[in-house]
Amino acid sequence: MEAISQGGGFLTTAQRSQVVVARGDINNPQIYEINALAMMEGKSLEKFVLQKGDIVYVPRTLIADWNVFLNQLLPSFQAIVLVDVLTRR
């Protein structure tokens, strides 16, 4: 939790219940899934101590992924509407 805090905290789009820590050799890493949400709510007694070289990854929530998808499609939809408007003139 201290590392997350030092990194600026969780974004609102963070999947706090599935924080992933990769440790060790890049060709054969050990992967740990941490439920940071349960830790923050005091529902977990789990303690996880980071080690030098650990990589902490906080994935986005499903709704955040959906929003990214929609934002990537929006320019295409806008172009289709623009072409439709221009061809009707």
PDB file of N, CA and C in Angstrom:
ATOM      1  N   MET A   1       0.826  -1.186   0.000  1.00  0.00           N
ATOM      2  CA  MET A   1       0.000   0.000   0.000  1.00  0.00           C
ATOM      3  C   MET A   1       0.874   1.255   0.000  1.00  0.00           C
ATOM      4  N   GLU A   2       2.009   1.159   0.665  1.00  0.00           N
ATOM      5  CA  GLU A   2       2.912   2.297   0.696  1.00  0.00           C
ATOM      6  C   GLU A   2       3.436   2.619  -0.703  1.00  0.00           C
ATOM      7  N   ALA A   3       3.747   1.575  -1.482  1.00  0.00           N
ATOM      8  CA  ALA A   3       4.245   1.787  -2.845  1.00  0.00           C
ATOM      9  C   ALA A   3       3.173   2.442  -3.713  1.00  0.00           C
ATOM     10  N   ILE A   4       1.933   2.004  -3.567  1.00  0.00           N
ATOM     11  CA  ILE A   4       0.823   2.612  -4.323  1.00  0.00           C
ATOM     12  C   ILE A   4       0.687   4.074  -3.934  1.00  0.00           C
ATOM     13  N   SER A   5       0.767   4.347  -2.659  1.00  0.00           N
ATOM     14  CA  SER A   5       0.667   5.715  -2.165  1.00  0.00           C
ATOM     15  C   SER A   5       1.798   6.583  -2.715  1.00  0.00           C
ATOM     16  N   GLN A   6       3.008   6.054  -2.702  1.00  0.00           N
ATOM     17  CA  GLN A   6       4.152   6.811  -3.215  1.00  0.00           C
ATOM     18  C   GLN A   6       4.042   7.038  -4.719  1.00  0.00           C
ATOM     19  N   GLY A   7       3.324   6.145  -5.401  1.00  0.00           N
ATOM     20  CA  GLY A   7       3.122   6.292  -6.841  1.00  0.00           C
ATOM     21  C   GLY A   7       1.990   7.236  -7.193  1.00  0.00           C
ATOM     22  N   GLY A   8       1.364   7.845  -6.203  1.00  0.00           N
ATOM     23  CA  GLY A   8       0.300   8.805  -6.462  1.00  0.00           C
ATOM     24  C   GLY A   8      -1.085   8.286  -6.127  1.00  0.00           C
ATOM     25  N   GLY A   9      -1.159   7.055  -5.628  1.00  0.00           N
ATOM     26  CA  GLY A   9      -2.457   6.499  -5.253  1.00  0.00           C
ATOM     27  C   GLY A   9      -3.159   5.847  -6.425  1.00  0.00           C
ATOM     28  N   PHE A  10      -4.299   5.270  -6.136  1.00  0.00           N
ATOM     29  CA  PHE A  10      -5.096   4.611  -7.162  1.00  0.00           C
ATOM     30  C   PHE A  10      -5.867   5.636  -7.974  1.00  0.00           C
ATOM     31  N   LEU A  11      -5.974   5.408  -9.274  1.00  0.00           N
ATOM     32  CA  LEU A  11      -6.887   6.181 -10.100  1.00  0.00           C
ATOM     33  C   LEU A  11      -8.300   5.672  -9.832  1.00  0.00           C
ATOM     34  N   THR A  12      -9.296   6.450 -10.187  1.00  0.00           N
ATOM     35  CA  THR A  12     -10.678   6.005  -9.983  1.00  0.00           C
ATOM     36  C   THR A  12     -10.996   4.786 -10.846  1.00  0.00           C
ATOM     37  N   THR A  13     -10.219   4.566 -11.889  1.00  0.00           N
ATOM     38  CA  THR A  13     -10.453   3.438 -12.799  1.00  0.00           C
ATOM     39  C   THR A  13      -9.676   2.186 -12.397  1.00  0.00           C
ATOM     40  N   ALA A  14      -9.011   2.212 -11.247  1.00  0.00           N
ATOM     41  CA  ALA A  14      -8.158   1.092 -10.827  1.00  0.00           C
ATOM     42  C   ALA A  14      -8.972  -0.095 -10.332  1.00  0.00           C
ATOM     43  N   GLN A  15      -8.539  -1.276 -10.721  1.00  0.00           N
ATOM     44  CA  GLN A  15      -9.131  -2.528 -10.224  1.00  0.00           C
ATOM     45  C   GLN A  15      -8.358  -2.899  -8.954  1.00  0.00           C
ATOM     46  N   ARG A  16      -8.792  -2.371  -7.846  1.00  0.00           N
ATOM     47  CA  ARG A  16      -8.053  -2.488  -6.590  1.00  0.00           C
ATOM     48  C   ARG A  16      -8.041  -3.908  -6.031  1.00  0.00           C
ATOM     49  N   SER A  17      -8.955  -4.733  -6.471  1.00  0.00           N
ATOM     50  CA  SER A  17      -9.020  -6.094  -5.936  1.00  0.00           C
ATOM     51  C   SER A  17      -8.121  -7.059  -6.692  1.00  0.00           C
ATOM     52  N   GLN A  18      -7.433  -6.577  -7.734  1.00  0.00           N
ATOM     53  CA  GLN A  18      -6.584  -7.466  -8.522  1.00  0.00           C
ATOM     54  C   GLN A  18      -5.244  -6.831  -8.859  1.00  0.00           C
ATOM     55  N   VAL A  19      -4.567  -6.308  -7.867  1.00  0.00           N
ATOM     56  CA  VAL A  19      -3.235  -5.750  -8.072  1.00  0.00           C
ATOM     57  C   VAL A  19      -2.272  -6.913  -8.299  1.00  0.00           C
ATOM     58  N   VAL A  20      -1.416  -6.771  -9.293  1.00  0.00           N
ATOM     59  CA  VAL A  20      -0.492  -7.843  -9.646  1.00  0.00           C
ATOM     60  C   VAL A  20       0.938  -7.391  -9.381  1.00  0.00           C
ATOM     61  N   VAL A  21       1.715  -8.284  -8.764  1.00  0.00           N
ATOM     62  CA  VAL A  21       3.135  -8.025  -8.540  1.00  0.00           C
ATOM     63  C   VAL A  21       3.920  -9.112  -9.255  1.00  0.00           C
ATOM     64  N   ALA A  22       4.852  -8.694 -10.109  1.00  0.00           N
ATOM     65  CA  ALA A  22       5.750  -9.623 -10.800  1.00  0.00           C
ATOM     66  C   ALA A  22       7.115  -9.532 -10.133  1.00  0.00           C
ATOM     67  N   ARG A  23       7.663 -10.684  -9.826  1.00  0.00           N
ATOM     68  CA  ARG A  23       8.932 -10.735  -9.099  1.00  0.00           C
ATOM     69  C   ARG A  23       9.863 -11.754  -9.752  1.00  0.00           C
ATOM     70  N   GLY A  24      11.126 -11.401  -9.823  1.00  0.00           N
ATOM     71  CA  GLY A  24      12.125 -12.364 -10.270  1.00  0.00           C
ATOM     72  C   GLY A  24      12.524 -12.210 -11.719  1.00  0.00           C
ATOM     73  N   ASP A  25      13.081 -13.286 -12.254  1.00  0.00           N
ATOM     74  CA  ASP A  25      13.620 -13.335 -13.610  1.00  0.00           C
ATOM     75  C   ASP A  25      12.517 -13.060 -14.640  1.00  0.00           C
ATOM     76  N   ILE A  26      12.815 -12.231 -15.612  1.00  0.00           N
ATOM     77  CA  ILE A  26      11.837 -11.865 -16.634  1.00  0.00           C
ATOM     78  C   ILE A  26      11.376 -13.079 -17.434  1.00  0.00           C
ATOM     79  N   ASN A  27      12.238 -14.087 -17.564  1.00  0.00           N
ATOM     80  CA  ASN A  27      11.867 -15.295 -18.307  1.00  0.00           C
ATOM     81  C   ASN A  27      11.047 -16.269 -17.474  1.00  0.00           C
ATOM     82  N   ASN A  28      11.094 -16.146 -16.166  1.00  0.00           N
ATOM     83  CA  ASN A  28      10.358 -17.050 -15.284  1.00  0.00           C
ATOM     84  C   ASN A  28       9.930 -16.300 -14.020  1.00  0.00           C
ATOM     85  N   PRO A  29       9.063 -15.290 -14.190  1.00  0.00           N
ATOM     86  CA  PRO A  29       8.695 -14.478 -13.022  1.00  0.00           C
ATOM     87  C   PRO A  29       7.719 -15.208 -12.102  1.00  0.00           C
ATOM     88  N   GLN A  30       7.735 -14.796 -10.853  1.00  0.00           N
ATOM     89  CA  GLN A  30       6.708 -15.217  -9.912  1.00  0.00           C
ATOM     90  C   GLN A  30       5.644 -14.126  -9.947  1.00  0.00           C
ATOM     91  N   ILE A  31       4.390 -14.527 -10.060  1.00  0.00           N
ATOM     92  CA  ILE A  31       3.283 -13.574 -10.153  1.00  0.00           C
ATOM     93  C   ILE A  31       2.417 -13.708  -8.911  1.00  0.00           C
ATOM     94  N   TYR A  32       2.133 -12.588  -8.285  1.00  0.00           N
ATOM     95  CA  TYR A  32       1.290 -12.549  -7.087  1.00  0.00           C
ATOM     96  C   TYR A  32       0.104 -11.646  -7.367  1.00  0.00           C
ATOM     97  N   GLU A  33      -1.085 -12.091  -6.991  1.00  0.00           N
ATOM     98  CA  GLU A  33      -2.276 -11.240  -7.096  1.00  0.00           C
ATOM     99  C   GLU A  33      -2.663 -10.802  -5.695  1.00  0.00           C
ATOM    100  N   ILE A  34      -2.769  -9.513  -5.505  1.00  0.00           N
ATOM    101  CA  ILE A  34      -3.034  -8.915  -4.199  1.00  0.00           C
ATOM    102  C   ILE A  34      -4.402  -8.239  -4.232  1.00  0.00           C
ATOM    103  N   ASN A  35      -5.224  -8.507  -3.243  1.00  0.00           N
ATOM    104  CA  ASN A  35      -6.503  -7.823  -3.126  1.00  0.00           C
ATOM    105  C   ASN A  35      -6.302  -6.597  -2.238  1.00  0.00           C
ATOM    106  N   ALA A  36      -5.861  -5.522  -2.857  1.00  0.00           N
ATOM    107  CA  ALA A  36      -5.582  -4.290  -2.117  1.00  0.00           C
ATOM    108  C   ALA A  36      -6.858  -3.684  -1.551  1.00  0.00           C
ATOM    109  N   LEU A  37      -7.977  -3.886  -2.233  1.00  0.00           N
ATOM    110  CA  LEU A  37      -9.247  -3.359  -1.741  1.00  0.00           C
ATOM    111  C   LEU A  37      -9.593  -3.975  -0.386  1.00  0.00           C
ATOM    112  N   ALA A  38      -9.463  -5.290  -0.276  1.00  0.00           N
ATOM    113  CA  ALA A  38      -9.740  -5.966   1.000  1.00  0.00           C
ATOM    114  C   ALA A  38      -8.764  -5.504   2.076  1.00  0.00           C
ATOM    115  N   MET A  39      -7.518  -5.278   1.699  1.00  0.00           N
ATOM    116  CA  MET A  39      -6.524  -4.794   2.663  1.00  0.00           C
ATOM    117  C   MET A  39      -6.912  -3.399   3.157  1.00  0.00           C
ATOM    118  N   MET A  40      -7.333  -2.539   2.240  1.00  0.00           N
ATOM    119  CA  MET A  40      -7.700  -1.173   2.598  1.00  0.00           C
ATOM    120  C   MET A  40      -8.937  -1.139   3.481  1.00  0.00           C
ATOM    121  N   GLU A  41      -9.846  -2.074   3.261  1.00  0.00           N
ATOM    122  CA  GLU A  41     -11.076  -2.119   4.043  1.00  0.00           C
ATOM    123  C   GLU A  41     -10.907  -2.884   5.347  1.00  0.00           C
ATOM    124  N   GLY A  42      -9.692  -3.393   5.606  1.00  0.00           N
ATOM    125  CA  GLY A  42      -9.432  -4.138   6.833  1.00  0.00           C
ATOM    126  C   GLY A  42     -10.030  -5.532   6.836  1.00  0.00           C
ATOM    127  N   LYS A  43     -10.389  -6.035   5.647  1.00  0.00           N
ATOM    128  CA  LYS A  43     -10.991  -7.361   5.528  1.00  0.00           C
ATOM    129  C   LYS A  43      -9.960  -8.446   5.261  1.00  0.00           C
ATOM    130  N   SER A  44      -8.695  -8.061   5.164  1.00  0.00           N
ATOM    131  CA  SER A  44      -7.636  -9.025   4.879  1.00  0.00           C
ATOM    132  C   SER A  44      -6.469  -8.790   5.816  1.00  0.00           C
ATOM    133  N   LEU A  45      -5.948  -9.854   6.348  1.00  0.00           N
ATOM    134  CA  LEU A  45      -4.756  -9.762   7.188  1.00  0.00           C
ATOM    135  C   LEU A  45      -3.494 -10.013   6.376  1.00  0.00           C
ATOM    136  N   GLU A  46      -3.680 -10.170   5.063  1.00  0.00           N
ATOM    137  CA  GLU A  46      -2.567 -10.445   4.161  1.00  0.00           C
ATOM    138  C   GLU A  46      -1.535  -9.322   4.237  1.00  0.00           C
ATOM    139  N   LYS A  47      -0.298  -9.716   4.329  1.00  0.00           N
ATOM    140  CA  LYS A  47       0.798  -8.739   4.273  1.00  0.00           C
ATOM    141  C   LYS A  47       1.684  -9.152   3.123  1.00  0.00           C
ATOM    142  N   PHE A  48       2.039  -8.200   2.309  1.00  0.00           N
ATOM    143  CA  PHE A  48       2.912  -8.474   1.173  1.00  0.00           C
ATOM    144  C   PHE A  48       4.001  -7.424   1.177  1.00  0.00           C
ATOM    145  N   VAL A  49       5.233  -7.863   1.282  1.00  0.00           N
ATOM    146  CA  VAL A  49       6.371  -6.949   1.324  1.00  0.00           C
ATOM    147  C   VAL A  49       7.034  -6.944  -0.045  1.00  0.00           C
ATOM    148  N   LEU A  50       7.103  -5.767  -0.641  1.00  0.00           N
ATOM    149  CA  LEU A  50       7.772  -5.649  -1.928  1.00  0.00           C
ATOM    150  C   LEU A  50       9.267  -5.836  -1.766  1.00  0.00           C
ATOM    151  N   GLN A  51       9.871  -6.369  -2.813  1.00  0.00           N
ATOM    152  CA  GLN A  51      11.320  -6.530  -2.847  1.00  0.00           C
ATOM    153  C   GLN A  51      11.879  -5.682  -3.977  1.00  0.00           C
ATOM    154  N   LYS A  52      13.152  -5.391  -3.903  1.00  0.00           N
ATOM    155  CA  LYS A  52      13.810  -4.603  -4.943  1.00  0.00           C
ATOM    156  C   LYS A  52      13.620  -5.300  -6.293  1.00  0.00           C
ATOM    157  N   GLY A  53      13.183  -4.537  -7.274  1.00  0.00           N
ATOM    158  CA  GLY A  53      12.980  -5.073  -8.615  1.00  0.00           C
ATOM    159  C   GLY A  53      11.562  -5.549  -8.890  1.00  0.00           C
ATOM    160  N   ASP A  54      10.703  -5.578  -7.868  1.00  0.00           N
ATOM    161  CA  ASP A  54       9.312  -5.979  -8.086  1.00  0.00           C
ATOM    162  C   ASP A  54       8.620  -4.986  -9.009  1.00  0.00           C
ATOM    163  N   ILE A  55       7.730  -5.507  -9.827  1.00  0.00           N
ATOM    164  CA  ILE A  55       6.921  -4.667 -10.712  1.00  0.00           C
ATOM    165  C   ILE A  55       5.484  -4.763 -10.238  1.00  0.00           C
ATOM    166  N   VAL A  56       4.883  -3.605  -9.944  1.00  0.00           N
ATOM    167  CA  VAL A  56       3.504  -3.551  -9.466  1.00  0.00           C
ATOM    168  C   VAL A  56       2.633  -3.051 -10.613  1.00  0.00           C
ATOM    169  N   TYR A  57       1.603  -3.826 -10.936  1.00  0.00           N
ATOM    170  CA  TYR A  57       0.683  -3.477 -12.013  1.00  0.00           C
ATOM    171  C   TYR A  57      -0.731  -3.419 -11.446  1.00  0.00           C
ATOM    172  N   VAL A  58      -1.409  -2.306 -11.686  1.00  0.00           N
ATOM    173  CA  VAL A  58      -2.791  -2.150 -11.257  1.00  0.00           C
ATOM    174  C   VAL A  58      -3.641  -2.043 -12.522  1.00  0.00           C
ATOM    175  N   PRO A  59      -4.427  -3.093 -12.817  1.00  0.00           N
ATOM    176  CA  PRO A  59      -5.239  -3.058 -14.040  1.00  0.00           C
ATOM    177  C   PRO A  59      -6.423  -2.109 -13.908  1.00  0.00           C
ATOM    178  N   ARG A  60      -7.012  -1.784 -15.053  1.00  0.00           N
ATOM    179  CA  ARG A  60      -8.223  -0.966 -15.076  1.00  0.00           C
ATOM    180  C   ARG A  60      -9.432  -1.842 -14.798  1.00  0.00           C
ATOM    181  N   THR A  61     -10.496  -1.212 -14.336  1.00  0.00           N
ATOM    182  CA  THR A  61     -11.766  -1.912 -14.160  1.00  0.00           C
ATOM    183  C   THR A  61     -12.359  -2.208 -15.543  1.00  0.00           C
ATOM    184  N   LEU A  62     -13.322  -3.108 -15.581  1.00  0.00           N
ATOM    185  CA  LEU A  62     -13.972  -3.436 -16.855  1.00  0.00           C
ATOM    186  C   LEU A  62     -14.667  -2.224 -17.462  1.00  0.00           C
ATOM    187  N   ILE A  63     -15.295  -1.403 -16.635  1.00  0.00           N
ATOM    188  CA  ILE A  63     -15.970  -0.219 -17.163  1.00  0.00           C
ATOM    189  C   ILE A  63     -14.954   0.766 -17.735  1.00  0.00           C
ATOM    190  N   ALA A  64     -13.776   0.838 -17.144  1.00  0.00           N
ATOM    191  CA  ALA A  64     -12.725   1.719 -17.678  1.00  0.00           C
ATOM    192  C   ALA A  64     -12.249   1.201 -19.027  1.00  0.00           C
ATOM    193  N   ASP A  65     -12.117  -0.131 -19.172  1.00  0.00           N
ATOM    194  CA  ASP A  65     -11.738  -0.712 -20.463  1.00  0.00           C
ATOM    195  C   ASP A  65     -12.806  -0.394 -21.512  1.00  0.00           C
ATOM    196  N   TRP A  66     -14.072  -0.492 -21.121  1.00  0.00           N
ATOM    197  CA  TRP A  66     -15.169  -0.182 -22.030  1.00  0.00           C
ATOM    198  C   TRP A  66     -15.107   1.282 -22.465  1.00  0.00           C
ATOM    199  N   ASN A  67     -14.804   2.179 -21.530  1.00  0.00           N
ATOM    200  CA  ASN A  67     -14.693   3.599 -21.868  1.00  0.00           C
ATOM    201  C   ASN A  67     -13.546   3.862 -22.832  1.00  0.00           C
ATOM    202  N   VAL A  68     -12.423   3.181 -22.651  1.00  0.00           N
ATOM    203  CA  VAL A  68     -11.291   3.317 -23.577  1.00  0.00           C
ATOM    204  C   VAL A  68     -11.724   2.853 -24.968  1.00  0.00           C
ATOM    205  N   PHE A  69     -12.407   1.713 -25.028  1.00  0.00           N
ATOM    206  CA  PHE A  69     -12.906   1.181 -26.297  1.00  0.00           C
ATOM    207  C   PHE A  69     -13.817   2.184 -26.992  1.00  0.00           C
ATOM    208  N   LEU A  70     -14.767   2.747 -26.249  1.00  0.00           N
ATOM    209  CA  LEU A  70     -15.684   3.725 -26.835  1.00  0.00           C
ATOM    210  C   LEU A  70     -14.954   4.969 -27.308  1.00  0.00           C
ATOM    211  N   ASN A  71     -13.982   5.432 -26.539  1.00  0.00           N
ATOM    212  CA  ASN A  71     -13.215   6.614 -26.934  1.00  0.00           C
ATOM    213  C   ASN A  71     -12.406   6.367 -28.198  1.00  0.00           C
ATOM    214  N   GLN A  72     -11.995   5.128 -28.406  1.00  0.00           N
ATOM    215  CA  GLN A  72     -11.263   4.807 -29.632  1.00  0.00           C
ATOM    216  C   GLN A  72     -12.210   4.726 -30.829  1.00  0.00           C
ATOM    217  N   LEU A  73     -13.454   4.330 -30.602  1.00  0.00           N
ATOM    218  CA  LEU A  73     -14.436   4.251 -31.691  1.00  0.00           C
ATOM    219  C   LEU A  73     -15.050   5.600 -32.050  1.00  0.00           C
ATOM    220  N   LEU A  74     -15.122   6.501 -31.095  1.00  0.00           N
ATOM    221  CA  LEU A  74     -15.806   7.773 -31.295  1.00  0.00           C
ATOM    222  C   LEU A  74     -15.330   8.536 -32.535  1.00  0.00           C
ATOM    223  N   PRO A  75     -14.029   8.680 -32.793  1.00  0.00           N
ATOM    224  CA  PRO A  75     -13.616   9.403 -34.007  1.00  0.00           C
ATOM    225  C   PRO A  75     -14.159   8.753 -35.292  1.00  0.00           C
ATOM    226  N   SER A  76     -14.241   7.429 -35.309  1.00  0.00           N
ATOM    227  CA  SER A  76     -14.778   6.748 -36.492  1.00  0.00           C
ATOM    228  C   SER A  76     -16.251   7.075 -36.678  1.00  0.00           C
ATOM    229  N   PHE A  77     -17.010   7.048 -35.589  1.00  0.00           N
ATOM    230  CA  PHE A  77     -18.421   7.392 -35.671  1.00  0.00           C
ATOM    231  C   PHE A  77     -18.610   8.836 -36.108  1.00  0.00           C
ATOM    232  N   GLN A  78     -17.778   9.723 -35.605  1.00  0.00           N
ATOM    233  CA  GLN A  78     -17.876  11.135 -35.981  1.00  0.00           C
ATOM    234  C   GLN A  78     -17.560  11.305 -37.468  1.00  0.00           C
ATOM    235  N   ALA A  79     -16.586  10.563 -37.975  1.00  0.00           N
ATOM    236  CA  ALA A  79     -16.240  10.644 -39.397  1.00  0.00           C
ATOM    237  C   ALA A  79     -17.384  10.123 -40.260  1.00  0.00           C
ATOM    238  N   ILE A  80     -18.025   9.048 -39.834  1.00  0.00           N
ATOM    239  CA  ILE A  80     -19.152   8.500 -40.583  1.00  0.00           C
ATOM    240  C   ILE A  80     -20.291   9.508 -40.643  1.00  0.00           C
ATOM    241  N   VAL A  81     -20.595  10.137 -39.530  1.00  0.00           N
ATOM    242  CA  VAL A  81     -21.657  11.144 -39.491  1.00  0.00           C
ATOM    243  C   VAL A  81     -21.295  12.329 -40.380  1.00  0.00           C
ATOM    244  N   LEU A  82     -20.047  12.759 -40.334  1.00  0.00           N
ATOM    245  CA  LEU A  82     -19.601  13.887 -41.158  1.00  0.00           C
ATOM    246  C   LEU A  82     -19.735  13.561 -42.643  1.00  0.00           C
ATOM    247  N   VAL A  83     -19.295  12.379 -43.038  1.00  0.00           N
ATOM    248  CA  VAL A  83     -19.409  11.971 -44.443  1.00  0.00           C
ATOM    249  C   VAL A  83     -20.883  11.917 -44.847  1.00  0.00           C
ATOM    250  N   ASP A  84     -21.723  11.401 -43.976  1.00  0.00           N
ATOM    251  CA  ASP A  84     -23.156  11.327 -44.263  1.00  0.00           C
ATOM    252  C   ASP A  84     -23.751  12.712 -44.446  1.00  0.00           C
ATOM    253  N   VAL A  85     -23.380  13.637 -43.575  1.00  0.00           N
ATOM    254  CA  VAL A  85     -23.879  15.012 -43.672  1.00  0.00           C
ATOM    255  C   VAL A  85     -23.402  15.661 -44.977  1.00  0.00           C
ATOM    256  N   LEU A  86     -22.137  15.486 -45.305  1.00  0.00           N
ATOM    257  CA  LEU A  86     -21.582  16.109 -46.517  1.00  0.00           C
ATOM    258  C   LEU A  86     -22.166  15.527 -47.796  1.00  0.00           C
ATOM    259  N   THR A  87     -22.460  14.239 -47.786  1.00  0.00           N
ATOM    260  CA  THR A  87     -23.012  13.616 -49.006  1.00  0.00           C
ATOM    261  C   THR A  87     -24.480  13.936 -49.202  1.00  0.00           C
ATOM    262  N   ARG A  88     -25.169  14.377 -48.178  1.00  0.00           N
ATOM    263  CA  ARG A  88     -26.593  14.720 -48.283  1.00  0.00           C
ATOM    264  C   ARG A  88     -26.785  16.140 -48.802  1.00  0.00           C
ATOM    265  N   ARG A  89     -25.731  16.911 -48.854  1.00  0.00           N
ATOM    266  CA  ARG A  89     -25.852  18.321 -49.300  1.00  0.00           C
ATOM    267  C   ARG A  89     -26.036  18.395 -50.771  1.00  0.00           C
TER     268      ARG A  89
END
